[in-house]
Amino acid sequence: MCSIGRRYPPIIDKELFDIVQDVLQGKARPPMKLGYKGIDYIFRGLIRCGTCGCTITPETHKTTNGNKHTYLRCFHLKGGCKQGLVKEEVILNQLEHEIFSNIKVPEEALKEIKTGIKAYVAKESDNVKIAKKNLAIQLTTLKTREEVLDNKFLDGDFSKEKYESMSAKIKKEQAEVQEAFDKQEVPDSETAKTMIDIVEIAASAGNLMRGSCPIRKRVLLGLILTNQDSPKLNGVSLCYSLKKPFDKLLLSKGCKTWLGWLGSNQRHTD
């Protein structure tokens, strides 16, 4: 089988791109409306019960002194679940302690990261263009081989069985190379901008979480908490994992780690 060169997958997938636009201030696209009976809930639809797997539902309770508190409830629809009510602020305090209070990125470091992103995207753009060119050459070569094979078969140089076997092999290689070619996406200025947006969100996630309205807090949590394995409420704690690349950015110790994410995000298959 021929070598099909490097495959550079999209640096930013569409889902991540779309949510980033929701989180950043000043974007044209407004955040989704999440109110329920006139109330905006931060965790509505985001977490599940760690015992029974049911969706945890937020609800507002009024105390005897008139104060209102939001609680997270499992309605035990599957039976046998003993998960109790948990104050929303308990989970918010947990996330503040474990994630948001640990994010500190000096302005100079942020500038360095932005410069690194622009250089990385420019280099990736050149690499992808070279990869596409090499794959196009391979497609042309395979097309020529196919035409030569057809002519030799018509001249009686091959039996039908041998011709069909050789033709099938060439077509398989063509399909593989064409697939690799179609996957090449050249990073552009919009890609660099989105990557910078992501880094800025990570750098300012703490302030965004503390100062935003409930809707924006929910969108931010939806952006950084993985939805492949929904966060789960176990007792009075939330078990969660972070979505890529925020698993690297939010837990890193400095800008060198953030810049290292740029390089590790590139993978290739020979």
C-alpha atoms as a PDB file:
ATOM      1  CA  MET A   1       0.000   0.000   0.000  1.00  0.00           C
ATOM      2  CA  CYS A   2       1.317   3.467  -0.869  1.00  0.00           C
ATOM      3  CA  SER A   3       2.169   6.017   1.751  1.00  0.00           C
ATOM      4  CA  ILE A   4      -0.558   8.627   1.951  1.00  0.00           C
ATOM      5  CA  GLY A   5       1.413  11.186   3.933  1.00  0.00           C
ATOM      6  CA  ARG A   6       0.279  13.104   6.957  1.00  0.00           C
ATOM      7  CA  ARG A   7      -3.331  13.527   7.858  1.00  0.00           C
ATOM      8  CA  TYR A   8      -4.042  16.770   9.652  1.00  0.00           C
ATOM      9  CA  PRO A   9      -7.472  16.625  11.323  1.00  0.00           C
ATOM     10  CA  PRO A  10      -9.450  19.814  11.926  1.00  0.00           C
ATOM     11  CA  ILE A  11      -7.859  21.723  14.798  1.00  0.00           C
ATOM     12  CA  ILE A  12     -11.217  23.068  15.971  1.00  0.00           C
ATOM     13  CA  ASP A  13     -14.397  21.064  15.494  1.00  0.00           C
ATOM     14  CA  LYS A  14     -17.647  22.861  14.658  1.00  0.00           C
ATOM     15  CA  GLU A  15     -19.352  22.138  17.975  1.00  0.00           C
ATOM     16  CA  LEU A  16     -16.491  23.680  19.925  1.00  0.00           C
ATOM     17  CA  PHE A  17     -16.359  26.628  17.524  1.00  0.00           C
ATOM     18  CA  ASP A  18     -20.083  27.323  17.922  1.00  0.00           C
ATOM     19  CA  ILE A  19     -20.067  27.188  21.732  1.00  0.00           C
ATOM     20  CA  VAL A  20     -17.022  29.453  21.918  1.00  0.00           C
ATOM     21  CA  GLN A  21     -19.009  32.115  20.100  1.00  0.00           C
ATOM     22  CA  ASP A  22     -21.725  31.869  22.770  1.00  0.00           C
ATOM     23  CA  VAL A  23     -19.363  32.285  25.679  1.00  0.00           C
ATOM     24  CA  LEU A  24     -17.282  35.267  24.605  1.00  0.00           C
ATOM     25  CA  GLN A  25     -18.647  38.707  25.330  1.00  0.00           C
ATOM     26  CA  GLY A  26     -19.626  40.768  22.332  1.00  0.00           C
ATOM     27  CA  LYS A  27     -20.454  37.918  19.981  1.00  0.00           C
ATOM     28  CA  ALA A  28     -23.385  38.329  17.619  1.00  0.00           C
ATOM     29  CA  ARG A  29     -25.020  35.032  18.523  1.00  0.00           C
ATOM     30  CA  PRO A  30     -26.949  35.382  21.839  1.00  0.00           C
ATOM     31  CA  PRO A  31     -26.853  32.562  24.391  1.00  0.00           C
ATOM     32  CA  MET A  32     -29.681  30.081  24.335  1.00  0.00           C
ATOM     33  CA  LYS A  33     -32.723  30.723  26.515  1.00  0.00           C
ATOM     34  CA  LEU A  34     -32.696  28.346  29.404  1.00  0.00           C
ATOM     35  CA  GLY A  35     -35.359  29.735  31.675  1.00  0.00           C
ATOM     36  CA  TYR A  36     -37.920  27.479  33.303  1.00  0.00           C
ATOM     37  CA  LYS A  37     -40.978  29.207  34.771  1.00  0.00           C
ATOM     38  CA  GLY A  38     -39.095  32.489  34.528  1.00  0.00           C
ATOM     39  CA  ILE A  39     -35.959  31.133  36.250  1.00  0.00           C
ATOM     40  CA  ASP A  40     -32.565  30.607  34.619  1.00  0.00           C
ATOM     41  CA  TYR A  41     -30.861  27.502  36.027  1.00  0.00           C
ATOM     42  CA  ILE A  42     -27.122  26.967  35.713  1.00  0.00           C
ATOM     43  CA  PHE A  43     -27.119  23.155  35.839  1.00  0.00           C
ATOM     44  CA  ARG A  44     -30.377  22.396  34.028  1.00  0.00           C
ATOM     45  CA  GLY A  45     -29.792  19.398  31.734  1.00  0.00           C
ATOM     46  CA  LEU A  46     -26.052  19.281  32.428  1.00  0.00           C
ATOM     47  CA  ILE A  47     -25.688  16.586  35.084  1.00  0.00           C
ATOM     48  CA  ARG A  48     -27.056  13.163  35.944  1.00  0.00           C
ATOM     49  CA  CYS A  49     -27.526  11.195  39.116  1.00  0.00           C
ATOM     50  CA  GLY A  50     -24.475   9.093  39.900  1.00  0.00           C
ATOM     51  CA  THR A  51     -26.670   6.353  41.391  1.00  0.00           C
ATOM     52  CA  CYS A  52     -29.538   5.851  38.950  1.00  0.00           C
ATOM     53  CA  GLY A  53     -28.455   7.879  35.902  1.00  0.00           C
ATOM     54  CA  CYS A  54     -31.554  10.097  35.803  1.00  0.00           C
ATOM     55  CA  THR A  55     -31.161  13.744  34.817  1.00  0.00           C
ATOM     56  CA  ILE A  56     -30.709  15.990  37.837  1.00  0.00           C
ATOM     57  CA  THR A  57     -33.339  18.732  37.928  1.00  0.00           C
ATOM     58  CA  PRO A  58     -32.775  22.154  39.521  1.00  0.00           C
ATOM     59  CA  GLU A  59     -35.593  23.741  41.489  1.00  0.00           C
ATOM     60  CA  THR A  60     -36.049  26.761  43.710  1.00  0.00           C
ATOM     61  CA  HIS A  61     -37.121  26.501  47.345  1.00  0.00           C
ATOM     62  CA  LYS A  62     -38.056  29.385  49.633  1.00  0.00           C
ATOM     63  CA  THR A  63     -36.960  29.203  53.255  1.00  0.00           C
ATOM     64  CA  THR A  64     -39.082  30.298  56.207  1.00  0.00           C
ATOM     65  CA  ASN A  65     -37.304  33.666  56.271  1.00  0.00           C
ATOM     66  CA  GLY A  66     -38.174  34.298  52.635  1.00  0.00           C
ATOM     67  CA  ASN A  67     -34.766  33.594  51.089  1.00  0.00           C
ATOM     68  CA  LYS A  68     -34.634  31.560  47.884  1.00  0.00           C
ATOM     69  CA  HIS A  69     -32.141  28.771  47.210  1.00  0.00           C
ATOM     70  CA  THR A  70     -31.660  26.573  44.168  1.00  0.00           C
ATOM     71  CA  TYR A  71     -31.388  22.850  44.830  1.00  0.00           C
ATOM     72  CA  LEU A  72     -30.421  19.950  42.597  1.00  0.00           C
ATOM     73  CA  ARG A  73     -32.841  17.035  42.790  1.00  0.00           C
ATOM     74  CA  CYS A  74     -33.033  13.494  41.479  1.00  0.00           C
ATOM     75  CA  PHE A  75     -36.662  12.445  41.135  1.00  0.00           C
ATOM     76  CA  HIS A  76     -35.743   8.741  41.599  1.00  0.00           C
ATOM     77  CA  LEU A  77     -37.715   7.715  38.523  1.00  0.00           C
ATOM     78  CA  LYS A  78     -35.908   4.383  38.351  1.00  0.00           C
ATOM     79  CA  GLY A  79     -36.478   3.552  42.008  1.00  0.00           C
ATOM     80  CA  GLY A  80     -34.008   2.534  44.692  1.00  0.00           C
ATOM     81  CA  CYS A  81     -32.086   5.810  44.501  1.00  0.00           C
ATOM     82  CA  LYS A  82     -31.280   7.676  47.694  1.00  0.00           C
ATOM     83  CA  GLN A  83     -29.633  10.753  46.224  1.00  0.00           C
ATOM     84  CA  GLY A  84     -30.775  13.712  48.309  1.00  0.00           C
ATOM     85  CA  LEU A  85     -31.238  17.390  47.581  1.00  0.00           C
ATOM     86  CA  VAL A  86     -28.027  19.339  47.117  1.00  0.00           C
ATOM     87  CA  LYS A  87     -27.684  23.108  47.163  1.00  0.00           C
ATOM     88  CA  GLU A  88     -26.502  24.471  43.840  1.00  0.00           C
ATOM     89  CA  GLU A  89     -23.983  26.664  45.639  1.00  0.00           C
ATOM     90  CA  VAL A  90     -22.280  23.569  47.067  1.00  0.00           C
ATOM     91  CA  ILE A  91     -21.440  22.337  43.563  1.00  0.00           C
ATOM     92  CA  LEU A  92     -20.473  25.829  42.397  1.00  0.00           C
ATOM     93  CA  ASN A  93     -18.092  26.100  45.363  1.00  0.00           C
ATOM     94  CA  GLN A  94     -16.580  22.733  44.454  1.00  0.00           C
ATOM     95  CA  LEU A  95     -15.934  23.825  40.866  1.00  0.00           C
ATOM     96  CA  GLU A  96     -14.547  27.153  42.056  1.00  0.00           C
ATOM     97  CA  HIS A  97     -12.113  25.379  44.400  1.00  0.00           C
ATOM     98  CA  GLU A  98     -11.070  22.640  41.958  1.00  0.00           C
ATOM     99  CA  ILE A  99     -10.980  24.592  38.685  1.00  0.00           C
ATOM    100  CA  PHE A 100     -11.689  28.283  38.524  1.00  0.00           C
ATOM    101  CA  SER A 101      -9.666  29.549  41.488  1.00  0.00           C
ATOM    102  CA  ASN A 102      -6.556  27.857  40.062  1.00  0.00           C
ATOM    103  CA  ILE A 103      -6.564  29.682  36.717  1.00  0.00           C
ATOM    104  CA  LYS A 104      -4.004  32.483  36.751  1.00  0.00           C
ATOM    105  CA  VAL A 105      -2.505  33.650  33.455  1.00  0.00           C
ATOM    106  CA  PRO A 106      -0.419  36.857  33.465  1.00  0.00           C
ATOM    107  CA  GLU A 107      -1.054  39.238  30.570  1.00  0.00           C
ATOM    108  CA  GLU A 108       2.480  38.788  29.231  1.00  0.00           C
ATOM    109  CA  ALA A 109       2.028  35.014  29.199  1.00  0.00           C
ATOM    110  CA  LEU A 110      -1.274  35.411  27.358  1.00  0.00           C
ATOM    111  CA  LYS A 111       0.436  37.539  24.707  1.00  0.00           C
ATOM    112  CA  GLU A 112       3.104  34.868  24.279  1.00  0.00           C
ATOM    113  CA  ILE A 113       0.468  32.190  23.858  1.00  0.00           C
ATOM    114  CA  LYS A 114      -1.405  34.210  21.228  1.00  0.00           C
ATOM    115  CA  THR A 115       1.816  34.755  19.284  1.00  0.00           C
ATOM    116  CA  GLY A 116       2.537  31.027  19.491  1.00  0.00           C
ATOM    117  CA  ILE A 117      -0.935  30.184  18.171  1.00  0.00           C
ATOM    118  CA  LYS A 118      -0.532  32.425  15.135  1.00  0.00           C
ATOM    119  CA  ALA A 119       2.868  30.907  14.337  1.00  0.00           C
ATOM    120  CA  TYR A 120       1.517  27.390  14.816  1.00  0.00           C
ATOM    121  CA  VAL A 121      -1.488  27.931  12.529  1.00  0.00           C
ATOM    122  CA  ALA A 122       0.730  29.467   9.840  1.00  0.00           C
ATOM    123  CA  LYS A 123       3.059  26.447   9.986  1.00  0.00           C
ATOM    124  CA  GLU A 124       0.130  24.020   9.954  1.00  0.00           C
ATOM    125  CA  SER A 125      -1.312  25.797   6.923  1.00  0.00           C
ATOM    126  CA  ASP A 126       1.949  25.279   5.027  1.00  0.00           C
ATOM    127  CA  ASN A 127       2.119  21.626   6.127  1.00  0.00           C
ATOM    128  CA  VAL A 128      -1.415  20.898   4.978  1.00  0.00           C
ATOM    129  CA  LYS A 129      -0.820  22.553   1.606  1.00  0.00           C
ATOM    130  CA  ILE A 130       2.267  20.373   1.108  1.00  0.00           C
ATOM    131  CA  ALA A 131       0.316  17.272   2.177  1.00  0.00           C
ATOM    132  CA  LYS A 132      -2.501  18.062  -0.280  1.00  0.00           C
ATOM    133  CA  LYS A 133       0.020  18.589  -3.068  1.00  0.00           C
ATOM    134  CA  ASN A 134       1.714  15.240  -2.372  1.00  0.00           C
ATOM    135  CA  LEU A 135      -1.630  13.439  -2.225  1.00  0.00           C
ATOM    136  CA  ALA A 136      -2.687  15.040  -5.516  1.00  0.00           C
ATOM    137  CA  ILE A 137       0.510  13.726  -7.111  1.00  0.00           C
ATOM    138  CA  GLN A 138      -0.257  10.241  -5.780  1.00  0.00           C
ATOM    139  CA  LEU A 139      -3.772  10.415  -7.249  1.00  0.00           C
ATOM    140  CA  THR A 140      -2.349  11.401 -10.640  1.00  0.00           C
ATOM    141  CA  THR A 141       0.173   8.541 -10.472  1.00  0.00           C
ATOM    142  CA  LEU A 142      -2.546   6.032  -9.616  1.00  0.00           C
ATOM    143  CA  LYS A 143      -4.716   7.321 -12.463  1.00  0.00           C
ATOM    144  CA  THR A 144      -1.813   6.793 -14.876  1.00  0.00           C
ATOM    145  CA  ARG A 145      -1.235   3.265 -13.546  1.00  0.00           C
ATOM    146  CA  GLU A 146      -4.924   2.532 -14.041  1.00  0.00           C
ATOM    147  CA  GLU A 147      -4.825   3.725 -17.657  1.00  0.00           C
ATOM    148  CA  VAL A 148      -1.668   1.690 -18.391  1.00  0.00           C
ATOM    149  CA  LEU A 149      -3.278  -1.400 -16.879  1.00  0.00           C
ATOM    150  CA  ASP A 150      -6.418  -0.912 -18.990  1.00  0.00           C
ATOM    151  CA  ASN A 151      -4.373  -0.616 -22.184  1.00  0.00           C
ATOM    152  CA  LYS A 152      -2.313  -3.695 -21.391  1.00  0.00           C
ATOM    153  CA  PHE A 153      -5.471  -5.689 -20.733  1.00  0.00           C
ATOM    154  CA  LEU A 154      -6.945  -4.565 -24.038  1.00  0.00           C
ATOM    155  CA  ASP A 155      -3.687  -5.624 -25.728  1.00  0.00           C
ATOM    156  CA  GLY A 156      -4.096  -9.076 -24.218  1.00  0.00           C
ATOM    157  CA  ASP A 157      -1.117  -8.840 -21.822  1.00  0.00           C
ATOM    158  CA  PHE A 158      -3.189  -9.965 -18.812  1.00  0.00           C
ATOM    159  CA  SER A 159      -5.874 -12.502 -18.139  1.00  0.00           C
ATOM    160  CA  LYS A 160      -9.220 -11.183 -16.981  1.00  0.00           C
ATOM    161  CA  GLU A 161      -8.640 -12.538 -13.468  1.00  0.00           C
ATOM    162  CA  LYS A 162      -5.223 -10.886 -13.133  1.00  0.00           C
ATOM    163  CA  TYR A 163      -6.537  -7.622 -14.575  1.00  0.00           C
ATOM    164  CA  GLU A 164      -9.449  -7.528 -12.129  1.00  0.00           C
ATOM    165  CA  SER A 165      -7.151  -8.257  -9.188  1.00  0.00           C
ATOM    166  CA  MET A 166      -4.661  -5.529 -10.144  1.00  0.00           C
ATOM    167  CA  SER A 167      -7.438  -3.066 -10.957  1.00  0.00           C
ATOM    168  CA  ALA A 168      -9.114  -3.663  -7.581  1.00  0.00           C
ATOM    169  CA  LYS A 169      -5.811  -2.979  -5.793  1.00  0.00           C
ATOM    170  CA  ILE A 170      -5.326   0.317  -7.644  1.00  0.00           C
ATOM    171  CA  LYS A 171      -8.910   1.408  -6.963  1.00  0.00           C
ATOM    172  CA  LYS A 172      -8.473   0.620  -3.265  1.00  0.00           C
ATOM    173  CA  GLU A 173      -5.343   2.773  -3.115  1.00  0.00           C
ATOM    174  CA  GLN A 174      -7.137   5.543  -5.002  1.00  0.00           C
ATOM    175  CA  ALA A 175      -9.992   5.487  -2.491  1.00  0.00           C
ATOM    176  CA  GLU A 176      -7.582   5.653   0.449  1.00  0.00           C
ATOM    177  CA  VAL A 177      -5.581   8.525  -0.997  1.00  0.00           C
ATOM    178  CA  GLN A 178      -8.748  10.398  -2.006  1.00  0.00           C
ATOM    179  CA  GLU A 179     -10.109   9.998   1.526  1.00  0.00           C
ATOM    180  CA  ALA A 180      -6.866  11.374   2.968  1.00  0.00           C
ATOM    181  CA  PHE A 181      -6.965  14.278   0.490  1.00  0.00           C
ATOM    182  CA  ASP A 182     -10.567  15.124   1.382  1.00  0.00           C
ATOM    183  CA  LYS A 183      -9.697  15.229   5.093  1.00  0.00           C
ATOM    184  CA  GLN A 184      -7.078  17.917   4.630  1.00  0.00           C
ATOM    185  CA  GLU A 185      -8.341  21.233   5.926  1.00  0.00           C
ATOM    186  CA  VAL A 186      -6.077  24.242   5.650  1.00  0.00           C
ATOM    187  CA  PRO A 187      -6.108  26.285   8.879  1.00  0.00           C
ATOM    188  CA  ASP A 188      -6.875  29.938   8.234  1.00  0.00           C
ATOM    189  CA  SER A 189      -7.104  33.195  10.156  1.00  0.00           C
ATOM    190  CA  GLU A 190     -10.519  32.134  11.493  1.00  0.00           C
ATOM    191  CA  THR A 191      -8.941  28.982  12.937  1.00  0.00           C
ATOM    192  CA  ALA A 192      -6.267  31.061  14.670  1.00  0.00           C
ATOM    193  CA  LYS A 193      -8.906  33.439  15.996  1.00  0.00           C
ATOM    194  CA  THR A 194     -10.990  30.599  17.415  1.00  0.00           C
ATOM    195  CA  MET A 195      -7.958  29.031  19.067  1.00  0.00           C
ATOM    196  CA  ILE A 196      -7.120  32.392  20.634  1.00  0.00           C
ATOM    197  CA  ASP A 197     -10.759  32.682  21.760  1.00  0.00           C
ATOM    198  CA  ILE A 198     -10.482  29.281  23.436  1.00  0.00           C
ATOM    199  CA  VAL A 199      -7.301  30.284  25.250  1.00  0.00           C
ATOM    200  CA  GLU A 200      -8.867  33.567  26.358  1.00  0.00           C
ATOM    201  CA  ILE A 201     -11.893  31.696  27.679  1.00  0.00           C
ATOM    202  CA  ALA A 202      -9.636  29.324  29.592  1.00  0.00           C
ATOM    203  CA  ALA A 203      -7.600  32.229  30.960  1.00  0.00           C
ATOM    204  CA  SER A 204     -10.680  34.180  32.038  1.00  0.00           C
ATOM    205  CA  ALA A 205     -12.918  31.219  32.939  1.00  0.00           C
ATOM    206  CA  GLY A 206     -12.797  32.073  36.633  1.00  0.00           C
ATOM    207  CA  ASN A 207     -13.949  35.661  36.125  1.00  0.00           C
ATOM    208  CA  LEU A 208     -16.548  34.583  33.572  1.00  0.00           C
ATOM    209  CA  MET A 209     -17.932  32.034  36.009  1.00  0.00           C
ATOM    210  CA  ARG A 210     -18.060  34.437  38.939  1.00  0.00           C
ATOM    211  CA  GLY A 211     -19.422  37.464  37.109  1.00  0.00           C
ATOM    212  CA  SER A 212     -21.750  36.100  34.450  1.00  0.00           C
ATOM    213  CA  CYS A 213     -25.491  35.567  34.522  1.00  0.00           C
ATOM    214  CA  PRO A 214     -26.795  31.994  35.038  1.00  0.00           C
ATOM    215  CA  ILE A 215     -27.269  31.479  31.287  1.00  0.00           C
ATOM    216  CA  ARG A 216     -23.650  32.335  30.493  1.00  0.00           C
ATOM    217  CA  LYS A 217     -22.447  30.203  33.399  1.00  0.00           C
ATOM    218  CA  ARG A 218     -24.349  27.266  31.968  1.00  0.00           C
ATOM    219  CA  VAL A 219     -22.924  27.806  28.484  1.00  0.00           C
ATOM    220  CA  LEU A 220     -19.415  28.057  29.953  1.00  0.00           C
ATOM    221  CA  LEU A 221     -19.855  24.820  31.919  1.00  0.00           C
ATOM    222  CA  GLY A 222     -21.275  23.145  28.810  1.00  0.00           C
ATOM    223  CA  LEU A 223     -18.152  24.213  26.969  1.00  0.00           C
ATOM    224  CA  ILE A 224     -15.563  22.896  29.426  1.00  0.00           C
ATOM    225  CA  LEU A 225     -17.278  19.839  30.967  1.00  0.00           C
ATOM    226  CA  THR A 226     -17.302  16.790  28.725  1.00  0.00           C
ATOM    227  CA  ASN A 227     -20.713  15.645  27.494  1.00  0.00           C
ATOM    228  CA  GLN A 228     -19.511  12.208  26.398  1.00  0.00           C
ATOM    229  CA  ASP A 229     -19.781  11.025  29.970  1.00  0.00           C
ATOM    230  CA  SER A 230     -22.177  13.450  31.665  1.00  0.00           C
ATOM    231  CA  PRO A 231     -21.065  14.944  34.990  1.00  0.00           C
ATOM    232  CA  LYS A 232     -22.622  12.947  37.795  1.00  0.00           C
ATOM    233  CA  LEU A 233     -23.908  14.015  41.181  1.00  0.00           C
ATOM    234  CA  ASN A 234     -22.732  11.643  43.896  1.00  0.00           C
ATOM    235  CA  GLY A 235     -23.936  12.717  47.317  1.00  0.00           C
ATOM    236  CA  VAL A 236     -22.832  16.331  47.640  1.00  0.00           C
ATOM    237  CA  SER A 237     -20.023  16.140  45.072  1.00  0.00           C
ATOM    238  CA  LEU A 238     -19.913  16.413  41.301  1.00  0.00           C
ATOM    239  CA  CYS A 239     -17.833  13.854  39.402  1.00  0.00           C
ATOM    240  CA  TYR A 240     -16.758  15.276  36.049  1.00  0.00           C
ATOM    241  CA  SER A 241     -14.068  15.396  33.397  1.00  0.00           C
ATOM    242  CA  LEU A 242     -12.950  18.309  31.242  1.00  0.00           C
ATOM    243  CA  LYS A 243     -13.456  18.557  27.509  1.00  0.00           C
ATOM    244  CA  LYS A 244     -10.451  18.827  25.196  1.00  0.00           C
ATOM    245  CA  PRO A 245      -8.512  21.101  25.002  1.00  0.00           C
ATOM    246  CA  PHE A 246      -9.677  22.516  28.333  1.00  0.00           C
ATOM    247  CA  ASP A 247      -8.379  19.432  30.135  1.00  0.00           C
ATOM    248  CA  LYS A 248      -4.898  20.688  29.217  1.00  0.00           C
ATOM    249  CA  LEU A 249      -5.442  24.427  29.406  1.00  0.00           C
ATOM    250  CA  LEU A 250      -7.329  24.679  32.688  1.00  0.00           C
ATOM    251  CA  LEU A 251      -5.078  22.299  34.597  1.00  0.00           C
ATOM    252  CA  SER A 252      -1.730  23.480  33.218  1.00  0.00           C
ATOM    253  CA  LYS A 253       0.861  25.196  35.379  1.00  0.00           C
ATOM    254  CA  GLY A 254       2.011  27.815  32.902  1.00  0.00           C
ATOM    255  CA  CYS A 255       2.090  29.153  29.396  1.00  0.00           C
ATOM    256  CA  LYS A 256       4.727  26.607  28.294  1.00  0.00           C
ATOM    257  CA  THR A 257       2.194  23.841  28.896  1.00  0.00           C
ATOM    258  CA  TRP A 258      -0.420  25.778  26.948  1.00  0.00           C
ATOM    259  CA  LEU A 259       1.952  26.237  24.030  1.00  0.00           C
ATOM    260  CA  GLY A 260       2.823  22.544  24.286  1.00  0.00           C
ATOM    261  CA  TRP A 261      -0.853  21.767  23.683  1.00  0.00           C
ATOM    262  CA  LEU A 262      -0.508  23.285  20.221  1.00  0.00           C
ATOM    263  CA  GLY A 263       2.144  20.769  19.266  1.00  0.00           C
ATOM    264  CA  SER A 264       0.427  17.790  20.857  1.00  0.00           C
ATOM    265  CA  ASN A 265      -2.809  18.642  19.048  1.00  0.00           C
ATOM    266  CA  GLN A 266      -1.092  17.723  15.782  1.00  0.00           C
ATOM    267  CA  ARG A 267      -1.130  14.001  15.012  1.00  0.00           C
ATOM    268  CA  HIS A 268      -0.312  12.110  11.864  1.00  0.00           C
ATOM    269  CA  THR A 269      -0.833   8.712  10.318  1.00  0.00           C
ATOM    270  CA  ASP A 270       1.508   7.220   7.740  1.00  0.00           C
END
